Amino acid sequence: MCAYCGTAPGVTRDHVIAKCLFTQPLPPNLITVPCCRDCNLAKAIDDEFLRDYLVVDFAGNDNPTANELFQRKMRKAVGRNSSEVGRAALTKARVEGIYTKHGIFMGEYVQAPLDSRRFDIVFQRIIRALYLHYTNGDRIPSDYPIEVLRIMPWDAERVWGDFQAFNLNRCGPFGDVFFGACARVEEDVRSTMWLLTFYQRVHFHVKALGYVP
């Protein structure tokens, strides 16, 4: 069955960490999972959305791979008006100051509003497929709520340090594009917490928790 929806036959194979996030040559250890045609088409659109978001992000753009994709892919997509992120940047972008949770000013950066629900869908697919792959077919139940939090670069070391207290399953690395780690809740192994890092400096904390202590 499809790794993403779990309800339709997985008649194709899909790269969980999308090929469009990489430059050639691709890492040899990329993970593929069974995928239905509808999910494959939907994920392809969201993969480009994620790529465009990551390569223009103030933290990710310094990465050589991300910068090359920005120059070769993102700019062409903006020219064709086919990039959702590009359209938001051109029409709604504004310069705003970014502060740490303790109020320390970290600089001014260009920001544009994007639909947060889109990120929930993107990362829900990723963690469900990674969990399926690393557990040889087990699934995170579809009714487990997904929460996605962005971790700023200056908080990443502390968050990764806190995560070391758990028994971690590591994902990757896949070149300089992606690395992840998963911690399972002892009382319910399908309740999981994930740290996902793209282009070495763009970090997300994703929770899929069906167990509430």
N, C-alpha and C. Protein backbone atom coordinates (compact mmCIF):
# COMPACT_ATOMS: atom_id res chain seq x y z
N MET A 1 0.83 -1.20 0.00
CA MET A 1 0.00 0.00 0.00
C MET A 1 0.88 1.26 0.00
N CYS A 2 0.27 2.37 -0.41
CA CYS A 2 0.99 3.64 -0.50
C CYS A 2 1.52 4.05 0.88
N ALA A 3 2.78 4.44 0.93
CA ALA A 3 3.39 4.85 2.19
C ALA A 3 2.79 6.12 2.76
N TYR A 4 2.18 6.93 1.90
CA TYR A 4 1.69 8.23 2.34
C TYR A 4 0.23 8.20 2.79
N CYS A 5 -0.66 7.69 1.95
CA CYS A 5 -2.08 7.66 2.31
C CYS A 5 -2.47 6.35 3.00
N GLY A 6 -1.77 5.27 2.70
CA GLY A 6 -2.06 3.99 3.33
C GLY A 6 -3.35 3.33 2.87
N THR A 7 -4.00 3.89 1.84
CA THR A 7 -5.30 3.36 1.43
C THR A 7 -5.34 2.88 -0.01
N ALA A 8 -4.36 3.28 -0.82
CA ALA A 8 -4.35 2.91 -2.24
C ALA A 8 -3.10 2.08 -2.54
N PRO A 9 -3.15 1.24 -3.57
CA PRO A 9 -1.98 0.42 -3.92
C PRO A 9 -0.77 1.28 -4.27
N GLY A 10 0.37 0.89 -3.79
CA GLY A 10 1.62 1.59 -4.09
C GLY A 10 2.19 1.12 -5.41
N VAL A 11 1.70 1.67 -6.49
CA VAL A 11 2.06 1.18 -7.83
C VAL A 11 3.31 1.86 -8.38
N THR A 12 3.82 2.88 -7.69
CA THR A 12 5.05 3.53 -8.10
C THR A 12 6.00 3.56 -6.91
N ARG A 13 7.24 4.00 -7.15
CA ARG A 13 8.20 4.22 -6.08
C ARG A 13 8.50 5.71 -6.02
N ASP A 14 8.60 6.24 -4.80
CA ASP A 14 8.84 7.67 -4.64
C ASP A 14 10.02 7.88 -3.70
N HIS A 15 10.83 8.89 -4.01
CA HIS A 15 11.94 9.27 -3.12
C HIS A 15 11.39 10.09 -1.96
N VAL A 16 11.56 9.60 -0.75
CA VAL A 16 11.03 10.30 0.43
C VAL A 16 11.65 11.69 0.54
N ILE A 17 12.97 11.77 0.49
CA ILE A 17 13.65 13.06 0.40
C ILE A 17 13.83 13.31 -1.09
N ALA A 18 13.08 14.26 -1.60
CA ALA A 18 12.88 14.41 -3.05
C ALA A 18 14.18 14.65 -3.79
N LYS A 19 14.24 14.08 -5.00
CA LYS A 19 15.41 14.28 -5.85
C LYS A 19 15.64 15.74 -6.19
N CYS A 20 14.56 16.54 -6.24
CA CYS A 20 14.72 17.95 -6.62
C CYS A 20 15.47 18.76 -5.57
N LEU A 21 15.70 18.18 -4.38
CA LEU A 21 16.48 18.88 -3.35
C LEU A 21 17.98 18.70 -3.53
N PHE A 22 18.36 17.87 -4.49
CA PHE A 22 19.77 17.52 -4.70
C PHE A 22 20.26 18.04 -6.04
N THR A 23 21.56 18.13 -6.15
CA THR A 23 22.21 18.28 -7.44
C THR A 23 22.82 16.93 -7.81
N GLN A 24 23.20 16.78 -9.05
CA GLN A 24 23.83 15.53 -9.50
C GLN A 24 25.29 15.49 -9.07
N PRO A 25 25.84 14.31 -8.77
CA PRO A 25 25.16 13.01 -8.73
C PRO A 25 24.38 12.83 -7.42
N LEU A 26 23.31 12.06 -7.47
CA LEU A 26 22.50 11.81 -6.30
C LEU A 26 23.23 10.88 -5.33
N PRO A 27 23.04 11.05 -4.03
CA PRO A 27 23.61 10.10 -3.07
C PRO A 27 23.08 8.70 -3.33
N PRO A 28 23.88 7.68 -3.12
CA PRO A 28 23.44 6.31 -3.43
C PRO A 28 22.48 5.74 -2.40
N ASN A 29 22.33 6.39 -1.24
CA ASN A 29 21.53 5.80 -0.16
C ASN A 29 20.15 6.42 -0.03
N LEU A 30 19.65 7.10 -1.06
CA LEU A 30 18.32 7.70 -0.96
C LEU A 30 17.24 6.63 -0.77
N ILE A 31 16.24 6.96 0.03
CA ILE A 31 15.18 6.02 0.39
C ILE A 31 13.99 6.20 -0.54
N THR A 32 13.48 5.08 -1.06
CA THR A 32 12.24 5.10 -1.84
C THR A 32 11.20 4.23 -1.14
N VAL A 33 9.94 4.58 -1.34
CA VAL A 33 8.83 3.85 -0.73
C VAL A 33 7.73 3.65 -1.78
N PRO A 34 6.86 2.66 -1.59
CA PRO A 34 5.72 2.50 -2.50
C PRO A 34 4.78 3.69 -2.39
N CYS A 35 4.21 4.09 -3.51
CA CYS A 35 3.41 5.31 -3.55
C CYS A 35 2.31 5.15 -4.61
N CYS A 36 1.10 5.60 -4.30
CA CYS A 36 0.04 5.58 -5.30
C CYS A 36 0.22 6.76 -6.25
N ARG A 37 -0.47 6.73 -7.38
CA ARG A 37 -0.27 7.78 -8.39
C ARG A 37 -0.76 9.14 -7.89
N ASP A 38 -1.88 9.18 -7.17
CA ASP A 38 -2.39 10.46 -6.69
C ASP A 38 -1.41 11.11 -5.71
N CYS A 39 -0.91 10.33 -4.77
CA CYS A 39 0.05 10.88 -3.80
C CYS A 39 1.35 11.27 -4.49
N ASN A 40 1.76 10.51 -5.50
CA ASN A 40 2.98 10.83 -6.22
C ASN A 40 2.87 12.19 -6.90
N LEU A 41 1.73 12.44 -7.55
CA LEU A 41 1.53 13.73 -8.21
C LEU A 41 1.46 14.87 -7.20
N ALA A 42 0.72 14.66 -6.11
CA ALA A 42 0.59 15.71 -5.10
C ALA A 42 1.93 16.00 -4.44
N LYS A 43 2.69 14.95 -4.16
CA LYS A 43 3.98 15.15 -3.49
C LYS A 43 4.97 15.86 -4.41
N ALA A 44 4.91 15.60 -5.71
CA ALA A 44 5.82 16.27 -6.64
C ALA A 44 5.65 17.78 -6.57
N ILE A 45 4.40 18.24 -6.47
CA ILE A 45 4.14 19.69 -6.35
C ILE A 45 4.67 20.22 -5.03
N ASP A 46 4.42 19.48 -3.95
CA ASP A 46 4.89 19.92 -2.64
C ASP A 46 6.41 19.83 -2.52
N ASP A 47 7.04 18.88 -3.22
CA ASP A 47 8.50 18.79 -3.20
C ASP A 47 9.12 20.07 -3.76
N GLU A 48 8.56 20.59 -4.84
CA GLU A 48 9.09 21.83 -5.42
C GLU A 48 8.82 23.02 -4.49
N PHE A 49 7.68 23.02 -3.83
CA PHE A 49 7.38 24.05 -2.84
C PHE A 49 8.42 24.03 -1.73
N LEU A 50 8.73 22.83 -1.20
CA LEU A 50 9.72 22.71 -0.13
C LEU A 50 11.10 23.14 -0.62
N ARG A 51 11.48 22.70 -1.82
CA ARG A 51 12.78 23.10 -2.36
C ARG A 51 12.91 24.61 -2.44
N ASP A 52 11.89 25.26 -3.01
CA ASP A 52 11.97 26.71 -3.18
C ASP A 52 12.03 27.42 -1.83
N TYR A 53 11.28 26.92 -0.86
CA TYR A 53 11.33 27.51 0.48
C TYR A 53 12.73 27.38 1.08
N LEU A 54 13.31 26.19 0.97
CA LEU A 54 14.61 25.94 1.61
C LEU A 54 15.73 26.73 0.95
N VAL A 55 15.72 26.83 -0.39
CA VAL A 55 16.87 27.46 -1.05
C VAL A 55 16.85 28.98 -0.95
N VAL A 56 15.70 29.58 -0.61
CA VAL A 56 15.68 31.03 -0.40
C VAL A 56 15.75 31.37 1.08
N ASP A 57 15.67 30.36 1.95
CA ASP A 57 15.71 30.61 3.38
C ASP A 57 17.05 31.22 3.78
N PHE A 58 17.02 32.15 4.72
CA PHE A 58 18.25 32.84 5.12
C PHE A 58 19.29 31.89 5.70
N ALA A 59 18.84 30.78 6.30
CA ALA A 59 19.78 29.83 6.87
C ALA A 59 20.27 28.83 5.83
N GLY A 60 19.40 28.42 4.91
CA GLY A 60 19.78 27.39 3.95
C GLY A 60 20.54 27.88 2.75
N ASN A 61 20.36 29.16 2.39
CA ASN A 61 20.91 29.64 1.13
C ASN A 61 22.43 29.65 1.09
N ASP A 62 23.09 29.64 2.25
CA ASP A 62 24.55 29.62 2.27
C ASP A 62 25.12 28.26 1.88
N ASN A 63 24.29 27.22 1.94
CA ASN A 63 24.76 25.89 1.57
C ASN A 63 25.04 25.84 0.07
N PRO A 64 26.17 25.27 -0.36
CA PRO A 64 26.50 25.26 -1.80
C PRO A 64 25.45 24.58 -2.67
N THR A 65 24.91 23.46 -2.22
CA THR A 65 23.89 22.78 -3.02
C THR A 65 22.63 23.63 -3.13
N ALA A 66 22.19 24.21 -2.00
CA ALA A 66 21.00 25.05 -2.01
C ALA A 66 21.22 26.27 -2.90
N ASN A 67 22.40 26.86 -2.83
CA ASN A 67 22.67 28.04 -3.64
C ASN A 67 22.68 27.72 -5.13
N GLU A 68 23.22 26.55 -5.48
CA GLU A 68 23.22 26.15 -6.89
C GLU A 68 21.80 25.92 -7.38
N LEU A 69 20.95 25.30 -6.55
CA LEU A 69 19.56 25.09 -6.95
C LEU A 69 18.80 26.40 -7.06
N PHE A 70 19.14 27.34 -6.20
CA PHE A 70 18.52 28.67 -6.30
C PHE A 70 18.85 29.31 -7.64
N GLN A 71 20.11 29.24 -8.02
CA GLN A 71 20.53 29.87 -9.26
C GLN A 71 19.98 29.14 -10.49
N ARG A 72 19.96 27.80 -10.48
CA ARG A 72 19.62 27.03 -11.66
C ARG A 72 18.13 26.70 -11.77
N LYS A 73 17.45 26.53 -10.64
CA LYS A 73 16.06 26.08 -10.65
C LYS A 73 15.08 27.17 -10.19
N MET A 74 15.35 27.71 -9.01
CA MET A 74 14.40 28.65 -8.42
C MET A 74 14.23 29.90 -9.27
N ARG A 75 15.32 30.46 -9.75
CA ARG A 75 15.21 31.69 -10.53
C ARG A 75 14.44 31.46 -11.83
N LYS A 76 14.63 30.30 -12.46
CA LYS A 76 13.87 29.99 -13.67
C LYS A 76 12.39 29.83 -13.35
N ALA A 77 12.09 29.18 -12.23
CA ALA A 77 10.70 29.00 -11.84
C ALA A 77 10.03 30.34 -11.55
N VAL A 78 10.77 31.25 -10.94
CA VAL A 78 10.22 32.59 -10.70
C VAL A 78 9.96 33.29 -12.02
N GLY A 79 10.88 33.15 -12.97
CA GLY A 79 10.69 33.76 -14.28
C GLY A 79 9.48 33.23 -15.01
N ARG A 80 9.13 31.96 -14.79
CA ARG A 80 7.95 31.36 -15.41
C ARG A 80 6.69 31.58 -14.59
N ASN A 81 6.85 32.22 -13.43
CA ASN A 81 5.74 32.43 -12.48
C ASN A 81 5.15 31.10 -12.02
N SER A 82 5.99 30.08 -11.91
CA SER A 82 5.52 28.76 -11.51
C SER A 82 5.91 28.40 -10.08
N SER A 83 6.55 29.33 -9.37
CA SER A 83 6.98 29.06 -8.00
C SER A 83 6.05 29.77 -7.03
N GLU A 84 5.35 28.99 -6.20
CA GLU A 84 4.46 29.58 -5.20
C GLU A 84 5.25 30.42 -4.21
N VAL A 85 6.41 29.93 -3.80
CA VAL A 85 7.25 30.69 -2.88
C VAL A 85 7.74 31.97 -3.55
N GLY A 86 8.12 31.86 -4.82
CA GLY A 86 8.57 33.04 -5.55
C GLY A 86 7.49 34.11 -5.65
N ARG A 87 6.25 33.70 -5.94
CA ARG A 87 5.16 34.67 -6.03
C ARG A 87 4.93 35.37 -4.70
N ALA A 88 4.99 34.60 -3.60
CA ALA A 88 4.82 35.21 -2.28
C ALA A 88 5.94 36.19 -1.99
N ALA A 89 7.17 35.84 -2.39
CA ALA A 89 8.31 36.71 -2.13
C ALA A 89 8.21 38.01 -2.94
N LEU A 90 7.71 37.91 -4.18
CA LEU A 90 7.63 39.10 -5.03
C LEU A 90 6.49 40.02 -4.65
N THR A 91 5.41 39.48 -4.10
CA THR A 91 4.21 40.29 -3.86
C THR A 91 3.96 40.62 -2.39
N LYS A 92 4.51 39.80 -1.49
CA LYS A 92 4.15 39.99 -0.07
C LYS A 92 5.36 40.09 0.85
N ALA A 93 6.57 40.09 0.28
CA ALA A 93 7.77 40.07 1.12
C ALA A 93 7.92 41.38 1.88
N ARG A 94 8.49 41.28 3.05
CA ARG A 94 8.80 42.45 3.86
C ARG A 94 10.05 42.15 4.69
N VAL A 95 10.75 43.18 5.07
CA VAL A 95 11.95 43.02 5.90
C VAL A 95 11.54 43.14 7.36
N GLU A 96 11.87 42.15 8.13
CA GLU A 96 11.52 42.15 9.54
C GLU A 96 12.72 41.70 10.37
N GLY A 97 12.78 42.19 11.60
CA GLY A 97 13.80 41.74 12.53
C GLY A 97 13.45 40.38 13.11
N ILE A 98 14.46 39.56 13.33
CA ILE A 98 14.28 38.26 13.96
C ILE A 98 14.96 38.28 15.33
N TYR A 99 14.24 37.80 16.32
CA TYR A 99 14.74 37.79 17.69
C TYR A 99 14.72 36.37 18.24
N THR A 100 15.62 36.08 19.16
CA THR A 100 15.56 34.81 19.87
C THR A 100 14.42 34.87 20.86
N LYS A 101 14.10 33.72 21.47
CA LYS A 101 13.02 33.69 22.45
C LYS A 101 13.34 34.54 23.68
N HIS A 102 14.62 34.87 23.86
CA HIS A 102 15.01 35.73 24.98
C HIS A 102 15.13 37.20 24.57
N GLY A 103 14.71 37.51 23.34
CA GLY A 103 14.67 38.90 22.92
C GLY A 103 15.95 39.42 22.31
N ILE A 104 16.91 38.55 22.00
CA ILE A 104 18.17 39.01 21.40
C ILE A 104 17.96 39.20 19.89
N PHE A 105 18.32 40.36 19.41
CA PHE A 105 18.14 40.70 18.00
C PHE A 105 19.19 39.97 17.16
N MET A 106 18.72 39.21 16.14
CA MET A 106 19.62 38.41 15.32
C MET A 106 19.80 38.97 13.91
N GLY A 107 19.13 40.08 13.59
CA GLY A 107 19.30 40.69 12.29
C GLY A 107 17.96 40.86 11.58
N GLU A 108 18.00 41.55 10.45
CA GLU A 108 16.80 41.76 9.64
C GLU A 108 16.87 40.86 8.40
N TYR A 109 15.75 40.24 8.09
CA TYR A 109 15.70 39.31 6.97
C TYR A 109 14.40 39.51 6.19
N VAL A 110 14.45 39.20 4.90
CA VAL A 110 13.25 39.26 4.08
C VAL A 110 12.36 38.07 4.43
N GLN A 111 11.08 38.34 4.68
CA GLN A 111 10.14 37.30 5.03
C GLN A 111 8.87 37.46 4.20
N ALA A 112 8.24 36.33 3.89
CA ALA A 112 6.98 36.34 3.14
C ALA A 112 6.05 35.31 3.77
N PRO A 113 4.76 35.62 3.89
CA PRO A 113 3.82 34.68 4.51
C PRO A 113 3.55 33.48 3.62
N LEU A 114 3.58 32.29 4.22
CA LEU A 114 3.27 31.05 3.52
C LEU A 114 2.27 30.26 4.37
N ASP A 115 1.53 29.39 3.74
CA ASP A 115 0.50 28.62 4.42
C ASP A 115 1.15 27.56 5.31
N SER A 116 1.01 27.70 6.63
CA SER A 116 1.64 26.75 7.54
C SER A 116 1.06 25.35 7.39
N ARG A 117 -0.19 25.25 6.93
CA ARG A 117 -0.79 23.92 6.75
C ARG A 117 -0.07 23.14 5.67
N ARG A 118 0.53 23.85 4.73
CA ARG A 118 1.29 23.19 3.66
C ARG A 118 2.49 22.45 4.24
N PHE A 119 3.14 23.06 5.22
CA PHE A 119 4.29 22.41 5.85
C PHE A 119 3.85 21.20 6.65
N ASP A 120 2.67 21.27 7.28
CA ASP A 120 2.16 20.11 8.00
C ASP A 120 2.02 18.92 7.06
N ILE A 121 1.49 19.16 5.87
CA ILE A 121 1.30 18.09 4.88
C ILE A 121 2.65 17.55 4.41
N VAL A 122 3.58 18.47 4.09
CA VAL A 122 4.90 18.07 3.58
C VAL A 122 5.62 17.18 4.59
N PHE A 123 5.67 17.62 5.83
CA PHE A 123 6.45 16.88 6.82
C PHE A 123 5.71 15.66 7.34
N GLN A 124 4.38 15.68 7.28
CA GLN A 124 3.63 14.48 7.63
C GLN A 124 4.00 13.35 6.68
N ARG A 125 4.07 13.66 5.38
CA ARG A 125 4.45 12.62 4.42
C ARG A 125 5.86 12.10 4.72
N ILE A 126 6.78 13.01 4.97
CA ILE A 126 8.18 12.60 5.17
C ILE A 126 8.32 11.67 6.35
N ILE A 127 7.76 12.05 7.50
CA ILE A 127 7.98 11.23 8.70
C ILE A 127 7.21 9.91 8.61
N ARG A 128 6.03 9.92 7.99
CA ARG A 128 5.29 8.67 7.85
C ARG A 128 6.08 7.69 6.97
N ALA A 129 6.65 8.19 5.89
CA ALA A 129 7.39 7.31 4.98
C ALA A 129 8.70 6.84 5.62
N LEU A 130 9.41 7.72 6.32
CA LEU A 130 10.64 7.30 6.99
C LEU A 130 10.35 6.26 8.07
N TYR A 131 9.28 6.48 8.83
CA TYR A 131 8.92 5.52 9.87
C TYR A 131 8.60 4.16 9.25
N LEU A 132 7.82 4.16 8.17
CA LEU A 132 7.47 2.93 7.46
C LEU A 132 8.73 2.21 6.99
N HIS A 133 9.67 2.97 6.44
CA HIS A 133 10.90 2.38 5.91
C HIS A 133 11.74 1.76 7.02
N TYR A 134 11.96 2.50 8.10
CA TYR A 134 12.87 2.03 9.13
C TYR A 134 12.26 0.98 10.05
N THR A 135 10.93 0.83 10.02
CA THR A 135 10.28 -0.22 10.82
C THR A 135 9.84 -1.39 9.95
N ASN A 136 10.25 -1.38 8.69
CA ASN A 136 9.92 -2.47 7.77
C ASN A 136 8.41 -2.68 7.63
N GLY A 137 7.67 -1.58 7.50
CA GLY A 137 6.26 -1.70 7.16
C GLY A 137 5.28 -1.26 8.20
N ASP A 138 5.72 -0.93 9.41
CA ASP A 138 4.79 -0.41 10.42
C ASP A 138 4.40 1.02 10.04
N ARG A 139 3.25 1.48 10.54
CA ARG A 139 2.75 2.80 10.16
C ARG A 139 2.45 3.64 11.39
N ILE A 140 2.70 4.93 11.28
CA ILE A 140 2.16 5.88 12.24
C ILE A 140 0.66 6.01 11.94
N PRO A 141 -0.21 5.78 12.91
CA PRO A 141 -1.65 5.84 12.64
C PRO A 141 -2.08 7.18 12.04
N SER A 142 -3.04 7.11 11.15
CA SER A 142 -3.46 8.30 10.41
C SER A 142 -4.12 9.34 11.30
N ASP A 143 -4.62 8.94 12.48
CA ASP A 143 -5.28 9.90 13.35
C ASP A 143 -4.33 10.56 14.34
N TYR A 144 -3.02 10.23 14.27
CA TYR A 144 -2.07 10.90 15.16
C TYR A 144 -1.84 12.33 14.66
N PRO A 145 -2.07 13.33 15.49
CA PRO A 145 -1.86 14.71 15.04
C PRO A 145 -0.39 15.00 14.80
N ILE A 146 -0.13 15.82 13.78
CA ILE A 146 1.24 16.19 13.42
C ILE A 146 1.45 17.66 13.78
N GLU A 147 2.54 17.95 14.47
CA GLU A 147 2.91 19.33 14.81
C GLU A 147 4.30 19.62 14.24
N VAL A 148 4.43 20.72 13.52
CA VAL A 148 5.69 21.09 12.89
C VAL A 148 6.17 22.42 13.48
N LEU A 149 7.40 22.42 13.98
CA LEU A 149 7.99 23.63 14.54
C LEU A 149 9.31 23.91 13.85
N ARG A 150 9.55 25.15 13.48
CA ARG A 150 10.83 25.55 12.91
C ARG A 150 11.80 25.82 14.05
N ILE A 151 12.99 25.27 13.93
CA ILE A 151 14.06 25.51 14.90
C ILE A 151 15.08 26.44 14.25
N MET A 152 15.30 27.61 14.86
CA MET A 152 16.26 28.55 14.30
C MET A 152 17.69 28.05 14.49
N PRO A 153 18.60 28.44 13.61
CA PRO A 153 19.97 27.91 13.68
C PRO A 153 20.64 28.11 15.04
N TRP A 154 20.35 29.24 15.69
CA TRP A 154 21.01 29.52 16.98
C TRP A 154 20.44 28.67 18.11
N ASP A 155 19.30 28.02 17.90
CA ASP A 155 18.73 27.11 18.90
C ASP A 155 19.02 25.64 18.59
N ALA A 156 19.56 25.36 17.41
CA ALA A 156 19.67 23.97 16.95
C ALA A 156 20.59 23.14 17.85
N GLU A 157 21.72 23.67 18.25
CA GLU A 157 22.66 22.90 19.06
C GLU A 157 22.02 22.50 20.39
N ARG A 158 21.28 23.42 21.00
CA ARG A 158 20.62 23.10 22.27
C ARG A 158 19.54 22.03 22.08
N VAL A 159 18.75 22.16 21.01
CA VAL A 159 17.68 21.19 20.77
C VAL A 159 18.26 19.82 20.46
N TRP A 160 19.29 19.77 19.61
CA TRP A 160 19.94 18.49 19.32
C TRP A 160 20.54 17.90 20.59
N GLY A 161 21.09 18.75 21.46
CA GLY A 161 21.63 18.25 22.73
C GLY A 161 20.55 17.63 23.60
N ASP A 162 19.39 18.29 23.68
CA ASP A 162 18.27 17.73 24.47
C ASP A 162 17.82 16.39 23.90
N PHE A 163 17.90 16.25 22.59
CA PHE A 163 17.45 15.02 21.94
C PHE A 163 18.36 13.84 22.26
N GLN A 164 19.60 14.11 22.64
CA GLN A 164 20.53 13.02 22.91
C GLN A 164 20.09 12.19 24.11
N ALA A 165 19.17 12.72 24.92
CA ALA A 165 18.69 11.97 26.08
C ALA A 165 17.82 10.79 25.67
N PHE A 166 17.34 10.78 24.43
CA PHE A 166 16.48 9.72 23.94
C PHE A 166 17.31 8.68 23.18
N ASN A 167 16.70 7.51 23.04
CA ASN A 167 17.28 6.46 22.19
C ASN A 167 16.92 6.78 20.75
N LEU A 168 17.88 7.27 19.98
CA LEU A 168 17.58 7.83 18.66
C LEU A 168 17.80 6.82 17.55
N ASN A 169 16.92 6.90 16.56
CA ASN A 169 17.15 6.24 15.28
C ASN A 169 17.51 7.32 14.28
N ARG A 170 18.66 7.19 13.64
CA ARG A 170 19.15 8.24 12.75
C ARG A 170 18.81 7.93 11.30
N CYS A 171 18.55 8.99 10.55
CA CYS A 171 18.19 8.90 9.13
C CYS A 171 19.22 9.67 8.32
N GLY A 172 19.98 8.98 7.53
CA GLY A 172 21.00 9.66 6.74
C GLY A 172 22.34 9.70 7.45
N PRO A 173 23.20 10.63 7.04
CA PRO A 173 22.94 11.77 6.15
C PRO A 173 22.86 11.37 4.68
N PHE A 174 22.16 12.22 3.91
CA PHE A 174 22.09 12.10 2.47
C PHE A 174 22.80 13.31 1.87
N GLY A 175 24.11 13.14 1.64
CA GLY A 175 24.92 14.25 1.16
C GLY A 175 24.88 15.39 2.17
N ASP A 176 24.90 16.62 1.66
CA ASP A 176 24.80 17.79 2.53
C ASP A 176 23.38 18.35 2.52
N VAL A 177 22.42 17.51 2.07
CA VAL A 177 21.04 17.98 1.89
C VAL A 177 20.16 17.65 3.08
N PHE A 178 20.30 16.45 3.65
CA PHE A 178 19.34 16.04 4.69
C PHE A 178 20.00 15.13 5.71
N PHE A 179 19.59 15.35 6.97
CA PHE A 179 19.91 14.45 8.07
C PHE A 179 18.75 14.50 9.05
N GLY A 180 18.40 13.36 9.63
CA GLY A 180 17.30 13.34 10.59
C GLY A 180 17.54 12.37 11.72
N ALA A 181 16.73 12.51 12.76
CA ALA A 181 16.76 11.59 13.88
C ALA A 181 15.35 11.47 14.44
N CYS A 182 15.03 10.28 14.93
CA CYS A 182 13.70 9.99 15.44
C CYS A 182 13.82 9.41 16.85
N ALA A 183 12.98 9.90 17.75
CA ALA A 183 12.88 9.34 19.11
C ALA A 183 11.46 8.82 19.30
N ARG A 184 11.34 7.59 19.81
CA ARG A 184 10.01 7.00 20.05
C ARG A 184 9.65 7.10 21.53
N VAL A 185 8.37 7.30 21.79
CA VAL A 185 7.87 7.33 23.16
C VAL A 185 7.79 5.89 23.68
N GLU A 186 8.34 5.64 24.85
CA GLU A 186 8.44 4.28 25.36
C GLU A 186 7.07 3.62 25.50
N GLU A 187 6.07 4.40 25.93
CA GLU A 187 4.74 3.83 26.16
C GLU A 187 3.98 3.55 24.85
N ASP A 188 4.43 4.14 23.76
CA ASP A 188 3.76 3.97 22.47
C ASP A 188 4.79 4.26 21.39
N VAL A 189 5.41 3.21 20.82
CA VAL A 189 6.53 3.41 19.91
C VAL A 189 6.13 4.12 18.63
N ARG A 190 4.82 4.15 18.33
CA ARG A 190 4.38 4.87 17.14
C ARG A 190 4.26 6.37 17.40
N SER A 191 4.24 6.78 18.65
CA SER A 191 4.33 8.19 18.99
C SER A 191 5.79 8.61 18.89
N THR A 192 6.08 9.53 17.98
CA THR A 192 7.46 9.82 17.66
C THR A 192 7.72 11.32 17.62
N MET A 193 8.97 11.67 17.88
CA MET A 193 9.45 13.04 17.74
C MET A 193 10.65 13.01 16.80
N TRP A 194 10.70 13.96 15.90
CA TRP A 194 11.70 13.97 14.85
C TRP A 194 12.43 15.30 14.81
N LEU A 195 13.72 15.24 14.55
CA LEU A 195 14.49 16.43 14.19
C LEU A 195 14.98 16.23 12.76
N LEU A 196 14.61 17.14 11.89
CA LEU A 196 14.96 17.06 10.47
C LEU A 196 15.78 18.28 10.09
N THR A 197 16.93 18.05 9.47
CA THR A 197 17.82 19.14 9.08
C THR A 197 18.05 19.10 7.58
N PHE A 198 17.81 20.23 6.93
CA PHE A 198 18.03 20.38 5.50
C PHE A 198 19.15 21.40 5.27
N TYR A 199 20.01 21.09 4.32
CA TYR A 199 21.11 21.99 3.94
C TYR A 199 21.90 22.47 5.16
N GLN A 200 22.01 21.60 6.14
CA GLN A 200 22.90 21.75 7.31
C GLN A 200 22.45 22.79 8.33
N ARG A 201 21.56 23.74 7.95
CA ARG A 201 21.22 24.81 8.89
C ARG A 201 19.72 25.10 8.97
N VAL A 202 18.88 24.38 8.23
CA VAL A 202 17.44 24.60 8.32
C VAL A 202 16.83 23.41 9.07
N HIS A 203 16.34 23.66 10.27
CA HIS A 203 15.95 22.59 11.19
C HIS A 203 14.45 22.65 11.49
N PHE A 204 13.86 21.46 11.61
CA PHE A 204 12.45 21.35 11.98
C PHE A 204 12.30 20.27 13.05
N HIS A 205 11.42 20.56 14.01
CA HIS A 205 11.04 19.60 15.03
C HIS A 205 9.61 19.16 14.71
N VAL A 206 9.42 17.87 14.42
CA VAL A 206 8.10 17.36 14.02
C VAL A 206 7.67 16.31 15.05
N LYS A 207 6.43 16.46 15.51
CA LYS A 207 5.89 15.53 16.50
C LYS A 207 4.67 14.82 15.92
N ALA A 208 4.60 13.52 16.14
CA ALA A 208 3.41 12.73 15.82
C ALA A 208 3.06 11.94 17.07
N LEU A 209 2.22 12.51 17.90
CA LEU A 209 2.01 11.97 19.23
C LEU A 209 0.56 11.52 19.42
N GLY A 210 0.37 10.22 19.48
CA GLY A 210 -0.93 9.69 19.83
C GLY A 210 -1.04 9.40 21.31
N TYR A 211 0.12 9.26 21.98
CA TYR A 211 0.16 8.99 23.42
C TYR A 211 0.27 10.29 24.19
N VAL A 212 -0.60 10.48 25.15
CA VAL A 212 -0.54 11.66 26.02
C VAL A 212 -0.34 11.18 27.45
N PRO A 213 0.81 11.52 28.06
CA PRO A 213 1.08 11.00 29.43
C PRO A 213 0.09 11.58 30.45
